[in-house]
Amino acid sequence: MKLKRIGVDLAKQVFQVHGVDSHEQVKCRKQLKRHQMLDFFRQLEPCVVAMEACGSAHYWARELGKLGHEVRLIAPQFVKPYVKGGKNDANDAQAICEAASRPTMRYVVTAP
């Protein structure tokens, strides 16, 4: 699957993924369990992966970076304006993906 950008909403056990192609068409909307996460991203060509900056985001940023993906962490207050509809994991993942598309977005540095 050729995706340009993926937004990931992180949680304790279930992660929501929202991916778009180079034409900004939604190509991937799915829930992944923790043990499925790395296998899913191994199957993809390297692309931009965006996540809200939180405690586990730095761990996932390092792991996905090892697979060749360009990981971008976004502070939660910069994602909130892009949430459409009610607050749920799917809408949050879509908002993260949308926020990452903005050329002036500021990103958080990944902790070593």
PDB file of N, CA and C in Angstrom:
ATOM      1  N   MET A   1       0.848  -1.173   0.000  1.00  0.00           N
ATOM      2  CA  MET A   1       0.000   0.000   0.000  1.00  0.00           C
ATOM      3  C   MET A   1       0.896   1.239   0.000  1.00  0.00           C
ATOM      4  N   LYS A   2       0.651   2.168  -0.908  1.00  0.00           N
ATOM      5  CA  LYS A   2       1.455   3.379  -1.038  1.00  0.00           C
ATOM      6  C   LYS A   2       0.719   4.529  -0.362  1.00  0.00           C
ATOM      7  N   LEU A   3       1.206   4.914   0.805  1.00  0.00           N
ATOM      8  CA  LEU A   3       0.612   6.020   1.543  1.00  0.00           C
ATOM      9  C   LEU A   3       1.614   7.156   1.648  1.00  0.00           C
ATOM     10  N   LYS A   4       1.099   8.368   1.650  1.00  0.00           N
ATOM     11  CA  LYS A   4       1.953   9.542   1.778  1.00  0.00           C
ATOM     12  C   LYS A   4       2.126   9.925   3.243  1.00  0.00           C
ATOM     13  N   ARG A   5       1.014   9.851   3.994  1.00  0.00           N
ATOM     14  CA  ARG A   5       1.025  10.319   5.376  1.00  0.00           C
ATOM     15  C   ARG A   5       0.054   9.486   6.205  1.00  0.00           C
ATOM     16  N   ILE A   6       0.450   9.176   7.427  1.00  0.00           N
ATOM     17  CA  ILE A   6      -0.395   8.404   8.333  1.00  0.00           C
ATOM     18  C   ILE A   6      -0.499   9.142   9.658  1.00  0.00           C
ATOM     19  N   GLY A   7      -1.715   9.258  10.163  1.00  0.00           N
ATOM     20  CA  GLY A   7      -1.939   9.791  11.501  1.00  0.00           C
ATOM     21  C   GLY A   7      -2.273   8.635  12.421  1.00  0.00           C
ATOM     22  N   VAL A   8      -1.631   8.588  13.581  1.00  0.00           N
ATOM     23  CA  VAL A   8      -1.844   7.498  14.532  1.00  0.00           C
ATOM     24  C   VAL A   8      -2.311   8.080  15.859  1.00  0.00           C
ATOM     25  N   ASP A   9      -3.453   7.591  16.341  1.00  0.00           N
ATOM     26  CA  ASP A   9      -3.923   7.954  17.673  1.00  0.00           C
ATOM     27  C   ASP A   9      -3.507   6.831  18.613  1.00  0.00           C
ATOM     28  N   LEU A  10      -2.628   7.154  19.548  1.00  0.00           N
ATOM     29  CA  LEU A  10      -2.089   6.157  20.468  1.00  0.00           C
ATOM     30  C   LEU A  10      -2.985   5.997  21.687  1.00  0.00           C
ATOM     31  N   ALA A  11      -3.076   4.786  22.179  1.00  0.00           N
ATOM     32  CA  ALA A  11      -3.801   4.482  23.412  1.00  0.00           C
ATOM     33  C   ALA A  11      -3.045   3.349  24.105  1.00  0.00           C
ATOM     34  N   LYS A  12      -3.640   2.786  25.149  1.00  0.00           N
ATOM     35  CA  LYS A  12      -2.935   1.723  25.870  1.00  0.00           C
ATOM     36  C   LYS A  12      -2.880   0.431  25.069  1.00  0.00           C
ATOM     37  N   GLN A  13      -4.001  -0.008  24.524  1.00  0.00           N
ATOM     38  CA  GLN A  13      -4.048  -1.307  23.860  1.00  0.00           C
ATOM     39  C   GLN A  13      -4.417  -1.246  22.381  1.00  0.00           C
ATOM     40  N   VAL A  14      -5.273  -0.306  22.004  1.00  0.00           N
ATOM     41  CA  VAL A  14      -5.768  -0.235  20.625  1.00  0.00           C
ATOM     42  C   VAL A  14      -5.380   1.110  20.018  1.00  0.00           C
ATOM     43  N   PHE A  15      -4.758   1.068  18.827  1.00  0.00           N
ATOM     44  CA  PHE A  15      -4.337   2.278  18.134  1.00  0.00           C
ATOM     45  C   PHE A  15      -5.202   2.465  16.895  1.00  0.00           C
ATOM     46  N   GLN A  16      -5.519   3.704  16.581  1.00  0.00           N
ATOM     47  CA  GLN A  16      -6.291   4.020  15.387  1.00  0.00           C
ATOM     48  C   GLN A  16      -5.350   4.622  14.353  1.00  0.00           C
ATOM     49  N   VAL A  17      -5.438   4.140  13.117  1.00  0.00           N
ATOM     50  CA  VAL A  17      -4.568   4.590  12.032  1.00  0.00           C
ATOM     51  C   VAL A  17      -5.422   5.211  10.937  1.00  0.00           C
ATOM     52  N   HIS A  18      -4.966   6.356  10.399  1.00  0.00           N
ATOM     53  CA  HIS A  18      -5.660   7.047   9.306  1.00  0.00           C
ATOM     54  C   HIS A  18      -4.594   7.422   8.279  1.00  0.00           C
ATOM     55  N   GLY A  19      -4.666   6.841   7.072  1.00  0.00           N
ATOM     56  CA  GLY A  19      -3.650   7.090   6.054  1.00  0.00           C
ATOM     57  C   GLY A  19      -4.219   7.683   4.782  1.00  0.00           C
ATOM     58  N   VAL A  20      -3.459   8.598   4.172  1.00  0.00           N
ATOM     59  CA  VAL A  20      -3.862   9.216   2.905  1.00  0.00           C
ATOM     60  C   VAL A  20      -2.748   9.027   1.877  1.00  0.00           C
ATOM     61  N   ASP A  21      -3.150   9.041   0.599  1.00  0.00           N
ATOM     62  CA  ASP A  21      -2.174   8.915  -0.477  1.00  0.00           C
ATOM     63  C   ASP A  21      -1.736  10.300  -0.946  1.00  0.00           C
ATOM     64  N   SER A  22      -0.999  10.355  -2.042  1.00  0.00           N
ATOM     65  CA  SER A  22      -0.473  11.633  -2.535  1.00  0.00           C
ATOM     66  C   SER A  22      -1.560  12.564  -3.063  1.00  0.00           C
ATOM     67  N   HIS A  23      -2.766  12.032  -3.302  1.00  0.00           N
ATOM     68  CA  HIS A  23      -3.892  12.860  -3.745  1.00  0.00           C
ATOM     69  C   HIS A  23      -4.810  13.227  -2.581  1.00  0.00           C
ATOM     70  N   GLU A  24      -4.346  12.981  -1.362  1.00  0.00           N
ATOM     71  CA  GLU A  24      -5.096  13.264  -0.126  1.00  0.00           C
ATOM     72  C   GLU A  24      -6.385  12.450  -0.016  1.00  0.00           C
ATOM     73  N   GLN A  25      -6.451  11.332  -0.718  1.00  0.00           N
ATOM     74  CA  GLN A  25      -7.595  10.426  -0.610  1.00  0.00           C
ATOM     75  C   GLN A  25      -7.339   9.438   0.528  1.00  0.00           C
ATOM     76  N   VAL A  26      -8.356   9.196   1.338  1.00  0.00           N
ATOM     77  CA  VAL A  26      -8.215   8.266   2.460  1.00  0.00           C
ATOM     78  C   VAL A  26      -8.066   6.844   1.917  1.00  0.00           C
ATOM     79  N   LYS A  27      -6.978   6.193   2.261  1.00  0.00           N
ATOM     80  CA  LYS A  27      -6.707   4.834   1.790  1.00  0.00           C
ATOM     81  C   LYS A  27      -6.658   3.815   2.922  1.00  0.00           C
ATOM     82  N   CYS A  28      -6.602   4.288   4.144  1.00  0.00           N
ATOM     83  CA  CYS A  28      -6.461   3.358   5.264  1.00  0.00           C
ATOM     84  C   CYS A  28      -7.094   3.950   6.517  1.00  0.00           C
ATOM     85  N   ARG A  29      -8.060   3.234   7.066  1.00  0.00           N
ATOM     86  CA  ARG A  29      -8.663   3.562   8.364  1.00  0.00           C
ATOM     87  C   ARG A  29      -8.818   2.254   9.107  1.00  0.00           C
ATOM     88  N   LYS A  30      -8.028   2.046  10.130  1.00  0.00           N
ATOM     89  CA  LYS A  30      -8.154   0.779  10.849  1.00  0.00           C
ATOM     90  C   LYS A  30      -7.674   0.903  12.279  1.00  0.00           C
ATOM     91  N   GLN A  31      -8.127  -0.048  13.075  1.00  0.00           N
ATOM     92  CA  GLN A  31      -7.664  -0.172  14.450  1.00  0.00           C
ATOM     93  C   GLN A  31      -6.606  -1.259  14.498  1.00  0.00           C
ATOM     94  N   LEU A  32      -5.561  -0.998  15.249  1.00  0.00           N
ATOM     95  CA  LEU A  32      -4.498  -1.981  15.430  1.00  0.00           C
ATOM     96  C   LEU A  32      -4.302  -2.234  16.915  1.00  0.00           C
ATOM     97  N   LYS A  33      -4.083  -3.486  17.255  1.00  0.00           N
ATOM     98  CA  LYS A  33      -3.711  -3.803  18.632  1.00  0.00           C
ATOM     99  C   LYS A  33      -2.211  -3.579  18.762  1.00  0.00           C
ATOM    100  N   ARG A  34      -1.762  -3.441  19.976  1.00  0.00           N
ATOM    101  CA  ARG A  34      -0.356  -3.138  20.248  1.00  0.00           C
ATOM    102  C   ARG A  34       0.590  -4.112  19.527  1.00  0.00           C
ATOM    103  N   HIS A  35       0.289  -5.398  19.550  1.00  0.00           N
ATOM    104  CA  HIS A  35       1.185  -6.386  18.937  1.00  0.00           C
ATOM    105  C   HIS A  35       1.141  -6.365  17.406  1.00  0.00           C
ATOM    106  N   GLN A  36       0.159  -5.694  16.811  1.00  0.00           N
ATOM    107  CA  GLN A  36       0.046  -5.614  15.348  1.00  0.00           C
ATOM    108  C   GLN A  36       0.746  -4.388  14.768  1.00  0.00           C
ATOM    109  N   MET A  37       1.085  -3.445  15.629  1.00  0.00           N
ATOM    110  CA  MET A  37       1.572  -2.138  15.182  1.00  0.00           C
ATOM    111  C   MET A  37       2.829  -2.238  14.301  1.00  0.00           C
ATOM    112  N   LEU A  38       3.876  -2.858  14.796  1.00  0.00           N
ATOM    113  CA  LEU A  38       5.119  -2.916  14.026  1.00  0.00           C
ATOM    114  C   LEU A  38       4.969  -3.740  12.753  1.00  0.00           C
ATOM    115  N   ASP A  39       4.211  -4.824  12.804  1.00  0.00           N
ATOM    116  CA  ASP A  39       3.993  -5.633  11.602  1.00  0.00           C
ATOM    117  C   ASP A  39       3.286  -4.830  10.519  1.00  0.00           C
ATOM    118  N   PHE A  40       2.307  -4.025  10.905  1.00  0.00           N
ATOM    119  CA  PHE A  40       1.584  -3.185   9.949  1.00  0.00           C
ATOM    120  C   PHE A  40       2.541  -2.208   9.270  1.00  0.00           C
ATOM    121  N   PHE A  41       3.377  -1.533  10.049  1.00  0.00           N
ATOM    122  CA  PHE A  41       4.273  -0.526   9.478  1.00  0.00           C
ATOM    123  C   PHE A  41       5.444  -1.151   8.719  1.00  0.00           C
ATOM    124  N   ARG A  42       5.801  -2.381   9.026  1.00  0.00           N
ATOM    125  CA  ARG A  42       6.849  -3.077   8.255  1.00  0.00           C
ATOM    126  C   ARG A  42       6.394  -3.320   6.817  1.00  0.00           C
ATOM    127  N   GLN A  43       5.111  -3.534   6.618  1.00  0.00           N
ATOM    128  CA  GLN A  43       4.570  -3.837   5.295  1.00  0.00           C
ATOM    129  C   GLN A  43       4.441  -2.599   4.407  1.00  0.00           C
ATOM    130  N   LEU A  44       4.545  -1.417   4.995  1.00  0.00           N
ATOM    131  CA  LEU A  44       4.376  -0.178   4.235  1.00  0.00           C
ATOM    132  C   LEU A  44       5.708   0.351   3.732  1.00  0.00           C
ATOM    133  N   GLU A  45       5.638   1.065   2.615  1.00  0.00           N
ATOM    134  CA  GLU A  45       6.809   1.804   2.161  1.00  0.00           C
ATOM    135  C   GLU A  45       7.007   2.974   3.117  1.00  0.00           C
ATOM    136  N   PRO A  46       8.250   3.439   3.289  1.00  0.00           N
ATOM    137  CA  PRO A  46       8.483   4.561   4.202  1.00  0.00           C
ATOM    138  C   PRO A  46       7.631   5.779   3.832  1.00  0.00           C
ATOM    139  N   CYS A  47       7.037   6.378   4.852  1.00  0.00           N
ATOM    140  CA  CYS A  47       6.192   7.549   4.659  1.00  0.00           C
ATOM    141  C   CYS A  47       6.242   8.401   5.922  1.00  0.00           C
ATOM    142  N   VAL A  48       5.482   9.479   5.938  1.00  0.00           N
ATOM    143  CA  VAL A  48       5.392  10.345   7.113  1.00  0.00           C
ATOM    144  C   VAL A  48       4.371   9.743   8.071  1.00  0.00           C
ATOM    145  N   VAL A  49       4.772   9.559   9.319  1.00  0.00           N
ATOM    146  CA  VAL A  49       3.879   9.048  10.359  1.00  0.00           C
ATOM    147  C   VAL A  49       3.792  10.114  11.440  1.00  0.00           C
ATOM    148  N   ALA A  50       2.582  10.597  11.696  1.00  0.00           N
ATOM    149  CA  ALA A  50       2.378  11.652  12.697  1.00  0.00           C
ATOM    150  C   ALA A  50       1.618  11.099  13.891  1.00  0.00           C
ATOM    151  N   MET A  51       2.023  11.561  15.083  1.00  0.00           N
ATOM    152  CA  MET A  51       1.365  11.156  16.325  1.00  0.00           C
ATOM    153  C   MET A  51       1.312  12.351  17.261  1.00  0.00           C
ATOM    154  N   GLU A  52       0.331  12.336  18.161  1.00  0.00           N
ATOM    155  CA  GLU A  52       0.320  13.333  19.223  1.00  0.00           C
ATOM    156  C   GLU A  52       1.451  13.009  20.184  1.00  0.00           C
ATOM    157  N   ALA A  53       2.145  14.044  20.625  1.00  0.00           N
ATOM    158  CA  ALA A  53       3.227  13.841  21.582  1.00  0.00           C
ATOM    159  C   ALA A  53       2.641  13.456  22.934  1.00  0.00           C
ATOM    160  N   CYS A  54       3.045  12.296  23.432  1.00  0.00           N
ATOM    161  CA  CYS A  54       2.617  11.830  24.753  1.00  0.00           C
ATOM    162  C   CYS A  54       3.694  10.881  25.263  1.00  0.00           C
ATOM    163  N   GLY A  55       3.465  10.272  26.398  1.00  0.00           N
ATOM    164  CA  GLY A  55       4.481   9.418  27.002  1.00  0.00           C
ATOM    165  C   GLY A  55       4.974   8.307  26.106  1.00  0.00           C
ATOM    166  N   SER A  56       4.073   7.573  25.464  1.00  0.00           N
ATOM    167  CA  SER A  56       4.501   6.439  24.638  1.00  0.00           C
ATOM    168  C   SER A  56       4.859   6.848  23.208  1.00  0.00           C
ATOM    169  N   ALA A  57       4.565   8.076  22.822  1.00  0.00           N
ATOM    170  CA  ALA A  57       4.830   8.514  21.445  1.00  0.00           C
ATOM    171  C   ALA A  57       6.322   8.485  21.120  1.00  0.00           C
ATOM    172  N   HIS A  58       7.161   8.799  22.090  1.00  0.00           N
ATOM    173  CA  HIS A  58       8.599   8.809  21.836  1.00  0.00           C
ATOM    174  C   HIS A  58       9.118   7.393  21.581  1.00  0.00           C
ATOM    175  N   TYR A  59       8.586   6.423  22.309  1.00  0.00           N
ATOM    176  CA  TYR A  59       8.958   5.024  22.070  1.00  0.00           C
ATOM    177  C   TYR A  59       8.569   4.614  20.651  1.00  0.00           C
ATOM    178  N   TRP A  60       7.308   4.870  20.282  1.00  0.00           N
ATOM    179  CA  TRP A  60       6.843   4.477  18.951  1.00  0.00           C
ATOM    180  C   TRP A  60       7.579   5.251  17.859  1.00  0.00           C
ATOM    181  N   ALA A  61       7.935   6.500  18.116  1.00  0.00           N
ATOM    182  CA  ALA A  61       8.684   7.282  17.127  1.00  0.00           C
ATOM    183  C   ALA A  61      10.039   6.634  16.851  1.00  0.00           C
ATOM    184  N   ARG A  62      10.708   6.185  17.896  1.00  0.00           N
ATOM    185  CA  ARG A  62      12.005   5.521  17.700  1.00  0.00           C
ATOM    186  C   ARG A  62      11.843   4.207  16.944  1.00  0.00           C
ATOM    187  N   GLU A  63      10.840   3.417  17.317  1.00  0.00           N
ATOM    188  CA  GLU A  63      10.631   2.118  16.665  1.00  0.00           C
ATOM    189  C   GLU A  63      10.261   2.281  15.188  1.00  0.00           C
ATOM    190  N   LEU A  64       9.364   3.211  14.880  1.00  0.00           N
ATOM    191  CA  LEU A  64       8.955   3.422  13.487  1.00  0.00           C
ATOM    192  C   LEU A  64      10.072   4.073  12.681  1.00  0.00           C
ATOM    193  N   GLY A  65      10.873   4.903  13.325  1.00  0.00           N
ATOM    194  CA  GLY A  65      12.032   5.495  12.666  1.00  0.00           C
ATOM    195  C   GLY A  65      13.029   4.432  12.228  1.00  0.00           C
ATOM    196  N   LYS A  66      13.180   3.377  13.033  1.00  0.00           N
ATOM    197  CA  LYS A  66      14.076   2.269  12.676  1.00  0.00           C
ATOM    198  C   LYS A  66      13.604   1.551  11.415  1.00  0.00           C
ATOM    199  N   LEU A  67      12.301   1.622  11.142  1.00  0.00           N
ATOM    200  CA  LEU A  67      11.742   0.975   9.945  1.00  0.00           C
ATOM    201  C   LEU A  67      11.844   1.872   8.709  1.00  0.00           C
ATOM    202  N   GLY A  68      12.377   3.085   8.872  1.00  0.00           N
ATOM    203  CA  GLY A  68      12.564   3.986   7.739  1.00  0.00           C
ATOM    204  C   GLY A  68      11.502   5.052   7.584  1.00  0.00           C
ATOM    205  N   HIS A  69      10.522   5.080   8.466  1.00  0.00           N
ATOM    206  CA  HIS A  69       9.468   6.088   8.376  1.00  0.00           C
ATOM    207  C   HIS A  69       9.951   7.418   8.948  1.00  0.00           C
ATOM    208  N   GLU A  70       9.418   8.510   8.412  1.00  0.00           N
ATOM    209  CA  GLU A  70       9.707   9.842   8.945  1.00  0.00           C
ATOM    210  C   GLU A  70       8.630  10.153   9.979  1.00  0.00           C
ATOM    211  N   VAL A  71       8.999  10.152  11.248  1.00  0.00           N
ATOM    212  CA  VAL A  71       8.028  10.314  12.328  1.00  0.00           C
ATOM    213  C   VAL A  71       7.992  11.767  12.783  1.00  0.00           C
ATOM    214  N   ARG A  72       6.776  12.290  12.928  1.00  0.00           N
ATOM    215  CA  ARG A  72       6.567  13.658  13.399  1.00  0.00           C
ATOM    216  C   ARG A  72       5.636  13.627  14.605  1.00  0.00           C
ATOM    217  N   LEU A  73       6.082  14.231  15.692  1.00  0.00           N
ATOM    218  CA  LEU A  73       5.261  14.324  16.897  1.00  0.00           C
ATOM    219  C   LEU A  73       4.685  15.731  16.991  1.00  0.00           C
ATOM    220  N   ILE A  74       3.392  15.804  17.244  1.00  0.00           N
ATOM    221  CA  ILE A  74       2.690  17.083  17.300  1.00  0.00           C
ATOM    222  C   ILE A  74       2.119  17.268  18.699  1.00  0.00           C
ATOM    223  N   ALA A  75       2.302  18.447  19.264  1.00  0.00           N
ATOM    224  CA  ALA A  75       1.732  18.751  20.578  1.00  0.00           C
ATOM    225  C   ALA A  75       0.206  18.724  20.476  1.00  0.00           C
ATOM    226  N   PRO A  76      -0.477  18.169  21.482  1.00  0.00           N
ATOM    227  CA  PRO A  76      -1.943  18.021  21.422  1.00  0.00           C
ATOM    228  C   PRO A  76      -2.704  19.319  21.154  1.00  0.00           C
ATOM    229  N   GLN A  77      -2.219  20.436  21.662  1.00  0.00           N
ATOM    230  CA  GLN A  77      -2.950  21.691  21.447  1.00  0.00           C
ATOM    231  C   GLN A  77      -2.937  22.131  19.986  1.00  0.00           C
ATOM    232  N   PHE A  78      -1.996  21.621  19.195  1.00  0.00           N
ATOM    233  CA  PHE A  78      -1.963  21.961  17.776  1.00  0.00           C
ATOM    234  C   PHE A  78      -2.826  21.020  16.940  1.00  0.00           C
ATOM    235  N   VAL A  79      -3.224  19.891  17.503  1.00  0.00           N
ATOM    236  CA  VAL A  79      -4.089  18.934  16.800  1.00  0.00           C
ATOM    237  C   VAL A  79      -5.557  19.286  16.994  1.00  0.00           C
ATOM    238  N   LYS A  80      -5.901  19.771  18.161  1.00  0.00           N
ATOM    239  CA  LYS A  80      -7.299  20.005  18.539  1.00  0.00           C
ATOM    240  C   LYS A  80      -8.103  20.806  17.510  1.00  0.00           C
ATOM    241  N   PRO A  81      -7.559  21.865  16.891  1.00  0.00           N
ATOM    242  CA  PRO A  81      -8.359  22.618  15.910  1.00  0.00           C
ATOM    243  C   PRO A  81      -8.782  21.812  14.678  1.00  0.00           C
ATOM    244  N   TYR A  82      -8.145  20.677  14.428  1.00  0.00           N
ATOM    245  CA  TYR A  82      -8.445  19.889  13.232  1.00  0.00           C
ATOM    246  C   TYR A  82      -9.424  18.748  13.483  1.00  0.00           C
ATOM    247  N   VAL A  83      -9.867  18.568  14.731  1.00  0.00           N
ATOM    248  CA  VAL A  83     -10.811  17.492  15.047  1.00  0.00           C
ATOM    249  C   VAL A  83     -12.182  17.848  14.500  1.00  0.00           C
ATOM    250  N   LYS A  84     -12.744  16.939  13.702  1.00  0.00           N
ATOM    251  CA  LYS A  84     -14.082  17.134  13.136  1.00  0.00           C
ATOM    252  C   LYS A  84     -15.030  16.178  13.836  1.00  0.00           C
ATOM    253  N   GLY A  85     -16.148  16.672  14.282  1.00  0.00           N
ATOM    254  CA  GLY A  85     -17.127  15.800  14.938  1.00  0.00           C
ATOM    255  C   GLY A  85     -16.748  15.520  16.375  1.00  0.00           C
ATOM    256  N   GLY A  86     -17.351  14.491  16.935  1.00  0.00           N
ATOM    257  CA  GLY A  86     -17.113  14.123  18.324  1.00  0.00           C
ATOM    258  C   GLY A  86     -15.717  13.588  18.551  1.00  0.00           C
ATOM    259  N   LYS A  87     -15.323  13.571  19.806  1.00  0.00           N
ATOM    260  CA  LYS A  87     -13.984  13.089  20.141  1.00  0.00           C
ATOM    261  C   LYS A  87     -13.999  11.565  20.237  1.00  0.00           C
ATOM    262  N   ASN A  88     -13.381  10.918  19.268  1.00  0.00           N
ATOM    263  CA  ASN A  88     -13.158   9.475  19.315  1.00  0.00           C
ATOM    264  C   ASN A  88     -11.825   9.185  18.627  1.00  0.00           C
ATOM    265  N   ASP A  89     -11.380   7.962  18.717  1.00  0.00           N
ATOM    266  CA  ASP A  89     -10.053   7.621  18.200  1.00  0.00           C
ATOM    267  C   ASP A  89      -9.926   7.845  16.697  1.00  0.00           C
ATOM    268  N   ALA A  90     -10.961   7.505  15.936  1.00  0.00           N
ATOM    269  CA  ALA A  90     -10.906   7.663  14.477  1.00  0.00           C
ATOM    270  C   ALA A  90     -10.809   9.136  14.095  1.00  0.00           C
ATOM    271  N   ASN A  91     -11.602   9.982  14.737  1.00  0.00           N
ATOM    272  CA  ASN A  91     -11.551  11.417  14.447  1.00  0.00           C
ATOM    273  C   ASN A  91     -10.219  12.019  14.881  1.00  0.00           C
ATOM    274  N   ASP A  92      -9.679  11.545  15.988  1.00  0.00           N
ATOM    275  CA  ASP A  92      -8.381  12.036  16.447  1.00  0.00           C
ATOM    276  C   ASP A  92      -7.277  11.662  15.460  1.00  0.00           C
ATOM    277  N   ALA A  93      -7.286  10.436  14.963  1.00  0.00           N
ATOM    278  CA  ALA A  93      -6.273  10.008  13.992  1.00  0.00           C
ATOM    279  C   ALA A  93      -6.373  10.827  12.708  1.00  0.00           C
ATOM    280  N   GLN A  94      -7.596  11.117  12.277  1.00  0.00           N
ATOM    281  CA  GLN A  94      -7.795  11.944  11.091  1.00  0.00           C
ATOM    282  C   GLN A  94      -7.271  13.356  11.333  1.00  0.00           C
ATOM    283  N   ALA A  95      -7.531  13.908  12.512  1.00  0.00           N
ATOM    284  CA  ALA A  95      -7.063  15.257  12.843  1.00  0.00           C
ATOM    285  C   ALA A  95      -5.536  15.312  12.898  1.00  0.00           C
ATOM    286  N   ILE A  96      -4.910  14.285  13.425  1.00  0.00           N
ATOM    287  CA  ILE A  96      -3.447  14.228  13.485  1.00  0.00           C
ATOM    288  C   ILE A  96      -2.870  14.192  12.077  1.00  0.00           C
ATOM    289  N   CYS A  97      -3.478  13.406  11.211  1.00  0.00           N
ATOM    290  CA  CYS A  97      -3.036  13.314   9.816  1.00  0.00           C
ATOM    291  C   CYS A  97      -3.190  14.666   9.115  1.00  0.00           C
ATOM    292  N   GLU A  98      -4.311  15.318   9.354  1.00  0.00           N
ATOM    293  CA  GLU A  98      -4.569  16.638   8.762  1.00  0.00           C
ATOM    294  C   GLU A  98      -3.578  17.675   9.280  1.00  0.00           C
ATOM    295  N   ALA A  99      -3.337  17.684  10.575  1.00  0.00           N
ATOM    296  CA  ALA A  99      -2.408  18.653  11.164  1.00  0.00           C
ATOM    297  C   ALA A  99      -1.000  18.476  10.594  1.00  0.00           C
ATOM    298  N   ALA A 100      -0.599  17.244  10.355  1.00  0.00           N
ATOM    299  CA  ALA A 100       0.739  16.975   9.819  1.00  0.00           C
ATOM    300  C   ALA A 100       0.899  17.470   8.387  1.00  0.00           C
ATOM    301  N   SER A 101      -0.209  17.719   7.693  1.00  0.00           N
ATOM    302  CA  SER A 101      -0.131  18.193   6.308  1.00  0.00           C
ATOM    303  C   SER A 101       0.148  19.687   6.219  1.00  0.00           C
ATOM    304  N   ARG A 102       0.034  20.382   7.324  1.00  0.00           N
ATOM    305  CA  ARG A 102       0.218  21.836   7.323  1.00  0.00           C
ATOM    306  C   ARG A 102       1.695  22.201   7.261  1.00  0.00           C
ATOM    307  N   PRO A 103       2.071  23.082   6.322  1.00  0.00           N
ATOM    308  CA  PRO A 103       3.491  23.407   6.151  1.00  0.00           C
ATOM    309  C   PRO A 103       4.099  24.181   7.321  1.00  0.00           C
ATOM    310  N   THR A 104       3.284  24.876   8.099  1.00  0.00           N
ATOM    311  CA  THR A 104       3.831  25.668   9.202  1.00  0.00           C
ATOM    312  C   THR A 104       3.695  24.979  10.557  1.00  0.00           C
ATOM    313  N   MET A 105       3.324  23.708  10.566  1.00  0.00           N
ATOM    314  CA  MET A 105       3.140  22.983  11.826  1.00  0.00           C
ATOM    315  C   MET A 105       4.471  22.862  12.564  1.00  0.00           C
ATOM    316  N   ARG A 106       4.407  23.045  13.873  1.00  0.00           N
ATOM    317  CA  ARG A 106       5.602  22.887  14.714  1.00  0.00           C
ATOM    318  C   ARG A 106       5.567  21.492  15.333  1.00  0.00           C
ATOM    319  N   TYR A 107       6.715  20.844  15.326  1.00  0.00           N
ATOM    320  CA  TYR A 107       6.800  19.468  15.810  1.00  0.00           C
ATOM    321  C   TYR A 107       7.639  19.381  17.075  1.00  0.00           C
ATOM    322  N   VAL A 108       7.388  18.335  17.840  1.00  0.00           N
ATOM    323  CA  VAL A 108       8.134  18.061  19.066  1.00  0.00           C
ATOM    324  C   VAL A 108       9.330  17.184  18.701  1.00  0.00           C
ATOM    325  N   VAL A 109      10.470  17.450  19.312  1.00  0.00           N
ATOM    326  CA  VAL A 109      11.666  16.651  19.061  1.00  0.00           C
ATOM    327  C   VAL A 109      11.521  15.309  19.778  1.00  0.00           C
ATOM    328  N   THR A 110      11.861  14.232  19.083  1.00  0.00           N
ATOM    329  CA  THR A 110      11.780  12.895  19.668  1.00  0.00           C
ATOM    330  C   THR A 110      12.887  12.706  20.697  1.00  0.00           C
ATOM    331  N   ALA A 111      12.516  12.191  21.863  1.00  0.00           N
ATOM    332  CA  ALA A 111      13.501  11.930  22.919  1.00  0.00           C
ATOM    333  C   ALA A 111      14.374  10.738  22.529  1.00  0.00           C
ATOM    334  N   PRO A 112      15.660  10.800  22.829  1.00  0.00           N
ATOM    335  CA  PRO A 112      16.556   9.686  22.466  1.00  0.00           C
ATOM    336  C   PRO A 112      16.295   8.439  23.280  1.00  0.00           C
TER     337      PRO A 112
END
